[in-house]
Amino acid sequence: MKDELGLDYPVLSDEDLKLIRKVELVDPQFPKALRGFAVLDKNGKVLHSEEIDPFGEQASAIFEFASKKVADGK
């Protein structure tokens, strides 16, 4: 997917919700992810996590925000 979209950063899949639980984006009523995003540094530290719905309307702003968070390291 990374290559298909021409992205400069990895995109993850988390079928077991391990990372989703770490970034606190798991739905408390069902075993599924909430719509949102998380920014992690290269060591796996969560820099930011936010539930956001509808996600699609915010996607371009999220990419810019995430890039800035990673650059700032916080």
PDB file of N, CA and C in Angstrom:
ATOM      1  N   MET A   1       0.825  -1.188   0.000  1.00  0.00           N
ATOM      2  CA  MET A   1       0.000   0.000   0.000  1.00  0.00           C
ATOM      3  C   MET A   1       0.874   1.257   0.000  1.00  0.00           C
ATOM      4  N   LYS A   2       1.984   1.213   0.732  1.00  0.00           N
ATOM      5  CA  LYS A   2       2.901   2.351   0.787  1.00  0.00           C
ATOM      6  C   LYS A   2       3.358   2.732  -0.617  1.00  0.00           C
ATOM      7  N   ASP A   3       3.828   1.742  -1.382  1.00  0.00           N
ATOM      8  CA  ASP A   3       4.304   1.996  -2.738  1.00  0.00           C
ATOM      9  C   ASP A   3       3.161   2.415  -3.661  1.00  0.00           C
ATOM     10  N   GLU A   4       2.026   1.750  -3.507  1.00  0.00           N
ATOM     11  CA  GLU A   4       0.865   2.034  -4.349  1.00  0.00           C
ATOM     12  C   GLU A   4       0.421   3.492  -4.211  1.00  0.00           C
ATOM     13  N   LEU A   5       0.501   4.028  -2.992  1.00  0.00           N
ATOM     14  CA  LEU A   5       0.079   5.406  -2.731  1.00  0.00           C
ATOM     15  C   LEU A   5       1.223   6.410  -2.837  1.00  0.00           C
ATOM     16  N   GLY A   6       2.442   5.926  -3.044  1.00  0.00           N
ATOM     17  CA  GLY A   6       3.590   6.812  -3.154  1.00  0.00           C
ATOM     18  C   GLY A   6       3.936   7.502  -1.849  1.00  0.00           C
ATOM     19  N   LEU A   7       3.777   6.802  -0.729  1.00  0.00           N
ATOM     20  CA  LEU A   7       4.032   7.380   0.591  1.00  0.00           C
ATOM     21  C   LEU A   7       5.493   7.235   0.985  1.00  0.00           C
ATOM     22  N   ASP A   8       5.970   8.156   1.806  1.00  0.00           N
ATOM     23  CA  ASP A   8       7.352   8.119   2.309  1.00  0.00           C
ATOM     24  C   ASP A   8       7.436   7.514   3.709  1.00  0.00           C
ATOM     25  N   TYR A   9       6.357   6.939   4.197  1.00  0.00           N
ATOM     26  CA  TYR A   9       6.308   6.394   5.547  1.00  0.00           C
ATOM     27  C   TYR A   9       5.527   5.086   5.536  1.00  0.00           C
ATOM     28  N   PRO A  10       5.751   4.234   6.521  1.00  0.00           N
ATOM     29  CA  PRO A  10       5.066   2.934   6.537  1.00  0.00           C
ATOM     30  C   PRO A  10       3.589   3.054   6.916  1.00  0.00           C
ATOM     31  N   VAL A  11       2.816   2.131   6.415  1.00  0.00           N
ATOM     32  CA  VAL A  11       1.409   1.994   6.761  1.00  0.00           C
ATOM     33  C   VAL A  11       1.262   0.610   7.375  1.00  0.00           C
ATOM     34  N   LEU A  12       0.584   0.506   8.514  1.00  0.00           N
ATOM     35  CA  LEU A  12       0.492  -0.747   9.246  1.00  0.00           C
ATOM     36  C   LEU A  12      -0.898  -1.355   9.202  1.00  0.00           C
ATOM     37  N   SER A  13      -0.956  -2.657   9.342  1.00  0.00           N
ATOM     38  CA  SER A  13      -2.198  -3.385   9.524  1.00  0.00           C
ATOM     39  C   SER A  13      -2.110  -4.077  10.882  1.00  0.00           C
ATOM     40  N   ASP A  14      -3.194  -4.080  11.634  1.00  0.00           N
ATOM     41  CA  ASP A  14      -3.169  -4.587  13.008  1.00  0.00           C
ATOM     42  C   ASP A  14      -4.392  -5.464  13.269  1.00  0.00           C
ATOM     43  N   GLU A  15      -4.413  -6.648  12.648  1.00  0.00           N
ATOM     44  CA  GLU A  15      -5.573  -7.540  12.757  1.00  0.00           C
ATOM     45  C   GLU A  15      -5.879  -7.961  14.190  1.00  0.00           C
ATOM     46  N   ASP A  16      -4.859  -8.094  15.043  1.00  0.00           N
ATOM     47  CA  ASP A  16      -5.066  -8.526  16.424  1.00  0.00           C
ATOM     48  C   ASP A  16      -5.296  -7.371  17.391  1.00  0.00           C
ATOM     49  N   LEU A  17      -5.311  -6.144  16.887  1.00  0.00           N
ATOM     50  CA  LEU A  17      -5.559  -4.921  17.665  1.00  0.00           C
ATOM     51  C   LEU A  17      -4.503  -4.632  18.729  1.00  0.00           C
ATOM     52  N   LYS A  18      -3.332  -5.235  18.610  1.00  0.00           N
ATOM     53  CA  LYS A  18      -2.271  -5.014  19.596  1.00  0.00           C
ATOM     54  C   LYS A  18      -1.841  -3.542  19.623  1.00  0.00           C
ATOM     55  N   LEU A  19      -1.550  -2.997  18.473  1.00  0.00           N
ATOM     56  CA  LEU A  19      -1.143  -1.595  18.410  1.00  0.00           C
ATOM     57  C   LEU A  19      -2.326  -0.663  18.689  1.00  0.00           C
ATOM     58  N   ILE A  20      -3.489  -1.040  18.201  1.00  0.00           N
ATOM     59  CA  ILE A  20      -4.697  -0.238  18.433  1.00  0.00           C
ATOM     60  C   ILE A  20      -4.945  -0.076  19.938  1.00  0.00           C
ATOM     61  N   ARG A  21      -4.738  -1.142  20.701  1.00  0.00           N
ATOM     62  CA  ARG A  21      -4.897  -1.048  22.159  1.00  0.00           C
ATOM     63  C   ARG A  21      -3.823  -0.142  22.763  1.00  0.00           C
ATOM     64  N   LYS A  22      -2.583  -0.253  22.259  1.00  0.00           N
ATOM     65  CA  LYS A  22      -1.485   0.570  22.776  1.00  0.00           C
ATOM     66  C   LYS A  22      -1.775   2.056  22.597  1.00  0.00           C
ATOM     67  N   VAL A  23      -2.372   2.432  21.479  1.00  0.00           N
ATOM     68  CA  VAL A  23      -2.644   3.845  21.213  1.00  0.00           C
ATOM     69  C   VAL A  23      -4.045   4.253  21.669  1.00  0.00           C
ATOM     70  N   GLU A  24      -4.709   3.334  22.360  1.00  0.00           N
ATOM     71  CA  GLU A  24      -6.026   3.569  22.971  1.00  0.00           C
ATOM     72  C   GLU A  24      -7.102   3.964  21.962  1.00  0.00           C
ATOM     73  N   LEU A  25      -7.124   3.246  20.829  1.00  0.00           N
ATOM     74  CA  LEU A  25      -8.145   3.483  19.817  1.00  0.00           C
ATOM     75  C   LEU A  25      -8.993   2.240  19.562  1.00  0.00           C
ATOM     76  N   VAL A  26      -9.178   1.427  20.610  1.00  0.00           N
ATOM     77  CA  VAL A  26     -10.035   0.247  20.479  1.00  0.00           C
ATOM     78  C   VAL A  26     -11.430   0.602  20.995  1.00  0.00           C
ATOM     79  N   ASP A  27     -12.439   0.158  20.273  1.00  0.00           N
ATOM     80  CA  ASP A  27     -13.827   0.399  20.651  1.00  0.00           C
ATOM     81  C   ASP A  27     -14.121  -0.372  21.934  1.00  0.00           C
ATOM     82  N   PRO A  28     -14.612   0.273  22.985  1.00  0.00           N
ATOM     83  CA  PRO A  28     -14.869  -0.431  24.247  1.00  0.00           C
ATOM     84  C   PRO A  28     -16.028  -1.429  24.173  1.00  0.00           C
ATOM     85  N   GLN A  29     -16.890  -1.305  23.155  1.00  0.00           N
ATOM     86  CA  GLN A  29     -18.044  -2.193  23.040  1.00  0.00           C
ATOM     87  C   GLN A  29     -17.805  -3.391  22.123  1.00  0.00           C
ATOM     88  N   PHE A  30     -16.866  -3.272  21.199  1.00  0.00           N
ATOM     89  CA  PHE A  30     -16.605  -4.315  20.216  1.00  0.00           C
ATOM     90  C   PHE A  30     -15.103  -4.473  20.027  1.00  0.00           C
ATOM     91  N   PRO A  31     -14.646  -5.647  19.649  1.00  0.00           N
ATOM     92  CA  PRO A  31     -13.214  -5.806  19.370  1.00  0.00           C
ATOM     93  C   PRO A  31     -12.860  -5.269  17.974  1.00  0.00           C
ATOM     94  N   LYS A  32     -12.879  -3.950  17.844  1.00  0.00           N
ATOM     95  CA  LYS A  32     -12.517  -3.316  16.582  1.00  0.00           C
ATOM     96  C   LYS A  32     -11.893  -1.956  16.872  1.00  0.00           C
ATOM     97  N   ALA A  33     -11.224  -1.432  15.878  1.00  0.00           N
ATOM     98  CA  ALA A  33     -10.579  -0.129  16.021  1.00  0.00           C
ATOM     99  C   ALA A  33     -11.589   0.998  15.842  1.00  0.00           C
ATOM    100  N   LEU A  34     -11.365   2.064  16.581  1.00  0.00           N
ATOM    101  CA  LEU A  34     -12.120   3.288  16.363  1.00  0.00           C
ATOM    102  C   LEU A  34     -11.478   4.028  15.197  1.00  0.00           C
ATOM    103  N   ARG A  35     -12.223   4.860  14.536  1.00  0.00           N
ATOM    104  CA  ARG A  35     -11.639   5.682  13.472  1.00  0.00           C
ATOM    105  C   ARG A  35     -10.788   6.755  14.118  1.00  0.00           C
ATOM    106  N   GLY A  36      -9.604   6.882  13.630  1.00  0.00           N
ATOM    107  CA  GLY A  36      -8.695   7.864  14.177  1.00  0.00           C
ATOM    108  C   GLY A  36      -7.303   7.637  13.655  1.00  0.00           C
ATOM    109  N   PHE A  37      -6.337   8.204  14.346  1.00  0.00           N
ATOM    110  CA  PHE A  37      -4.955   8.039  13.925  1.00  0.00           C
ATOM    111  C   PHE A  37      -4.042   8.139  15.128  1.00  0.00           C
ATOM    112  N   ALA A  38      -2.855   7.607  14.955  1.00  0.00           N
ATOM    113  CA  ALA A  38      -1.829   7.682  15.986  1.00  0.00           C
ATOM    114  C   ALA A  38      -0.503   7.971  15.308  1.00  0.00           C
ATOM    115  N   VAL A  39       0.338   8.697  16.009  1.00  0.00           N
ATOM    116  CA  VAL A  39       1.674   9.005  15.520  1.00  0.00           C
ATOM    117  C   VAL A  39       2.654   8.386  16.503  1.00  0.00           C
ATOM    118  N   LEU A  40       3.541   7.538  15.987  1.00  0.00           N
ATOM    119  CA  LEU A  40       4.562   6.895  16.811  1.00  0.00           C
ATOM    120  C   LEU A  40       5.933   7.289  16.288  1.00  0.00           C
ATOM    121  N   ASP A  41       6.909   7.356  17.196  1.00  0.00           N
ATOM    122  CA  ASP A  41       8.265   7.628  16.732  1.00  0.00           C
ATOM    123  C   ASP A  41       8.909   6.323  16.285  1.00  0.00           C
ATOM    124  N   LYS A  42      10.144   6.373  15.834  1.00  0.00           N
ATOM    125  CA  LYS A  42      10.797   5.183  15.291  1.00  0.00           C
ATOM    126  C   LYS A  42      11.041   4.105  16.337  1.00  0.00           C
ATOM    127  N   ASN A  43      10.927   4.444  17.627  1.00  0.00           N
ATOM    128  CA  ASN A  43      11.088   3.473  18.707  1.00  0.00           C
ATOM    129  C   ASN A  43       9.762   2.920  19.210  1.00  0.00           C
ATOM    130  N   GLY A  44       8.662   3.355  18.610  1.00  0.00           N
ATOM    131  CA  GLY A  44       7.351   2.866  19.008  1.00  0.00           C
ATOM    132  C   GLY A  44       6.673   3.677  20.097  1.00  0.00           C
ATOM    133  N   LYS A  45       7.278   4.774  20.508  1.00  0.00           N
ATOM    134  CA  LYS A  45       6.658   5.645  21.511  1.00  0.00           C
ATOM    135  C   LYS A  45       5.488   6.376  20.862  1.00  0.00           C
ATOM    136  N   VAL A  46       4.354   6.390  21.559  1.00  0.00           N
ATOM    137  CA  VAL A  46       3.165   7.070  21.050  1.00  0.00           C
ATOM    138  C   VAL A  46       3.341   8.572  21.266  1.00  0.00           C
ATOM    139  N   LEU A  47       3.389   9.321  20.166  1.00  0.00           N
ATOM    140  CA  LEU A  47       3.525  10.768  20.241  1.00  0.00           C
ATOM    141  C   LEU A  47       2.168  11.456  20.305  1.00  0.00           C
ATOM    142  N   HIS A  48       1.177  10.827  19.676  1.00  0.00           N
ATOM    143  CA  HIS A  48      -0.169  11.404  19.657  1.00  0.00           C
ATOM    144  C   HIS A  48      -1.145  10.318  19.227  1.00  0.00           C
ATOM    145  N   SER A  49      -2.341  10.356  19.784  1.00  0.00           N
ATOM    146  CA  SER A  49      -3.400   9.436  19.407  1.00  0.00           C
ATOM    147  C   SER A  49      -4.708  10.197  19.514  1.00  0.00           C
ATOM    148  N   GLU A  50      -5.538  10.064  18.487  1.00  0.00           N
ATOM    149  CA  GLU A  50      -6.777  10.840  18.484  1.00  0.00           C
ATOM    150  C   GLU A  50      -7.868  10.114  17.708  1.00  0.00           C
ATOM    151  N   GLU A  51      -9.025   9.977  18.332  1.00  0.00           N
ATOM    152  CA  GLU A  51     -10.188   9.447  17.628  1.00  0.00           C
ATOM    153  C   GLU A  51     -10.739  10.585  16.782  1.00  0.00           C
ATOM    154  N   ILE A  52     -11.039  10.299  15.536  1.00  0.00           N
ATOM    155  CA  ILE A  52     -11.575  11.330  14.653  1.00  0.00           C
ATOM    156  C   ILE A  52     -12.512  10.678  13.655  1.00  0.00           C
ATOM    157  N   ASP A  53     -13.711  11.202  13.575  1.00  0.00           N
ATOM    158  CA  ASP A  53     -14.711  10.651  12.682  1.00  0.00           C
ATOM    159  C   ASP A  53     -15.534  11.805  12.126  1.00  0.00           C
ATOM    160  N   PRO A  54     -15.715  11.961  10.875  1.00  0.00           N
ATOM    161  CA  PRO A  54     -15.294  11.044   9.825  1.00  0.00           C
ATOM    162  C   PRO A  54     -13.840  11.265   9.435  1.00  0.00           C
ATOM    163  N   PHE A  55     -13.080  10.186   9.447  1.00  0.00           N
ATOM    164  CA  PHE A  55     -11.644  10.219   9.183  1.00  0.00           C
ATOM    165  C   PHE A  55     -11.325  10.744   7.791  1.00  0.00           C
ATOM    166  N   GLY A  56     -12.031  10.282   6.787  1.00  0.00           N
ATOM    167  CA  GLY A  56     -11.727  10.615   5.400  1.00  0.00           C
ATOM    168  C   GLY A  56     -11.704  12.103   5.112  1.00  0.00           C
ATOM    169  N   GLU A  57     -12.583  12.849   5.758  1.00  0.00           N
ATOM    170  CA  GLU A  57     -12.641  14.286   5.524  1.00  0.00           C
ATOM    171  C   GLU A  57     -11.420  15.011   6.078  1.00  0.00           C
ATOM    172  N   GLN A  58     -10.705  14.371   7.002  1.00  0.00           N
ATOM    173  CA  GLN A  58      -9.563  15.001   7.653  1.00  0.00           C
ATOM    174  C   GLN A  58      -8.217  14.433   7.206  1.00  0.00           C
ATOM    175  N   ALA A  59      -8.221  13.479   6.294  1.00  0.00           N
ATOM    176  CA  ALA A  59      -6.999  12.734   5.967  1.00  0.00           C
ATOM    177  C   ALA A  59      -5.820  13.620   5.581  1.00  0.00           C
ATOM    178  N   SER A  60      -6.001  14.581   4.710  1.00  0.00           N
ATOM    179  CA  SER A  60      -4.860  15.392   4.280  1.00  0.00           C
ATOM    180  C   SER A  60      -4.287  16.204   5.433  1.00  0.00           C
ATOM    181  N   ALA A  61      -5.134  16.742   6.291  1.00  0.00           N
ATOM    182  CA  ALA A  61      -4.654  17.503   7.451  1.00  0.00           C
ATOM    183  C   ALA A  61      -3.944  16.579   8.447  1.00  0.00           C
ATOM    184  N   ILE A  62      -4.405  15.342   8.573  1.00  0.00           N
ATOM    185  CA  ILE A  62      -3.787  14.380   9.488  1.00  0.00           C
ATOM    186  C   ILE A  62      -2.366  14.068   9.043  1.00  0.00           C
ATOM    187  N   PHE A  63      -2.154  13.859   7.751  1.00  0.00           N
ATOM    188  CA  PHE A  63      -0.809  13.561   7.258  1.00  0.00           C
ATOM    189  C   PHE A  63       0.147  14.708   7.562  1.00  0.00           C
ATOM    190  N   GLU A  64      -0.303  15.931   7.357  1.00  0.00           N
ATOM    191  CA  GLU A  64       0.534  17.098   7.651  1.00  0.00           C
ATOM    192  C   GLU A  64       0.823  17.186   9.153  1.00  0.00           C
ATOM    193  N   PHE A  65      -0.211  16.990   9.985  1.00  0.00           N
ATOM    194  CA  PHE A  65      -0.068  17.028  11.438  1.00  0.00           C
ATOM    195  C   PHE A  65       0.911  15.949  11.904  1.00  0.00           C
ATOM    196  N   ALA A  66       0.752  14.733  11.388  1.00  0.00           N
ATOM    197  CA  ALA A  66       1.611  13.614  11.784  1.00  0.00           C
ATOM    198  C   ALA A  66       3.058  13.864  11.404  1.00  0.00           C
ATOM    199  N   SER A  67       3.280  14.384  10.217  1.00  0.00           N
ATOM    200  CA  SER A  67       4.647  14.696   9.792  1.00  0.00           C
ATOM    201  C   SER A  67       5.300  15.699  10.723  1.00  0.00           C
ATOM    202  N   LYS A  68       4.546  16.686  11.137  1.00  0.00           N
ATOM    203  CA  LYS A  68       5.060  17.712  12.059  1.00  0.00           C
ATOM    204  C   LYS A  68       5.366  17.111  13.429  1.00  0.00           C
ATOM    205  N   LYS A  69       4.485  16.234  13.919  1.00  0.00           N
ATOM    206  CA  LYS A  69       4.701  15.592  15.218  1.00  0.00           C
ATOM    207  C   LYS A  69       5.986  14.766  15.207  1.00  0.00           C
ATOM    208  N   VAL A  70       6.194  14.015  14.144  1.00  0.00           N
ATOM    209  CA  VAL A  70       7.388  13.186  14.041  1.00  0.00           C
ATOM    210  C   VAL A  70       8.635  14.078  13.970  1.00  0.00           C
ATOM    211  N   ALA A  71       8.568  15.146  13.206  1.00  0.00           N
ATOM    212  CA  ALA A  71       9.708  16.067  13.089  1.00  0.00           C
ATOM    213  C   ALA A  71      10.026  16.712  14.430  1.00  0.00           C
ATOM    214  N   ASP A  72       8.982  17.050  15.191  1.00  0.00           N
ATOM    215  CA  ASP A  72       9.166  17.681  16.503  1.00  0.00           C
ATOM    216  C   ASP A  72       9.571  16.664  17.558  1.00  0.00           C
ATOM    217  N   GLY A  73       9.208  15.382  17.333  1.00  0.00           N
ATOM    218  CA  GLY A  73       9.504  14.333  18.300  1.00  0.00           C
ATOM    219  C   GLY A  73       8.657  14.385  19.552  1.00  0.00           C
ATOM    220  N   LYS A  74       7.495  15.035  19.431  1.00  0.00           N
ATOM    221  CA  LYS A  74       6.579  15.102  20.591  1.00  0.00           C
ATOM    222  C   LYS A  74       5.146  15.201  20.151  1.00  0.00           C
TER     223      LYS A  74
END
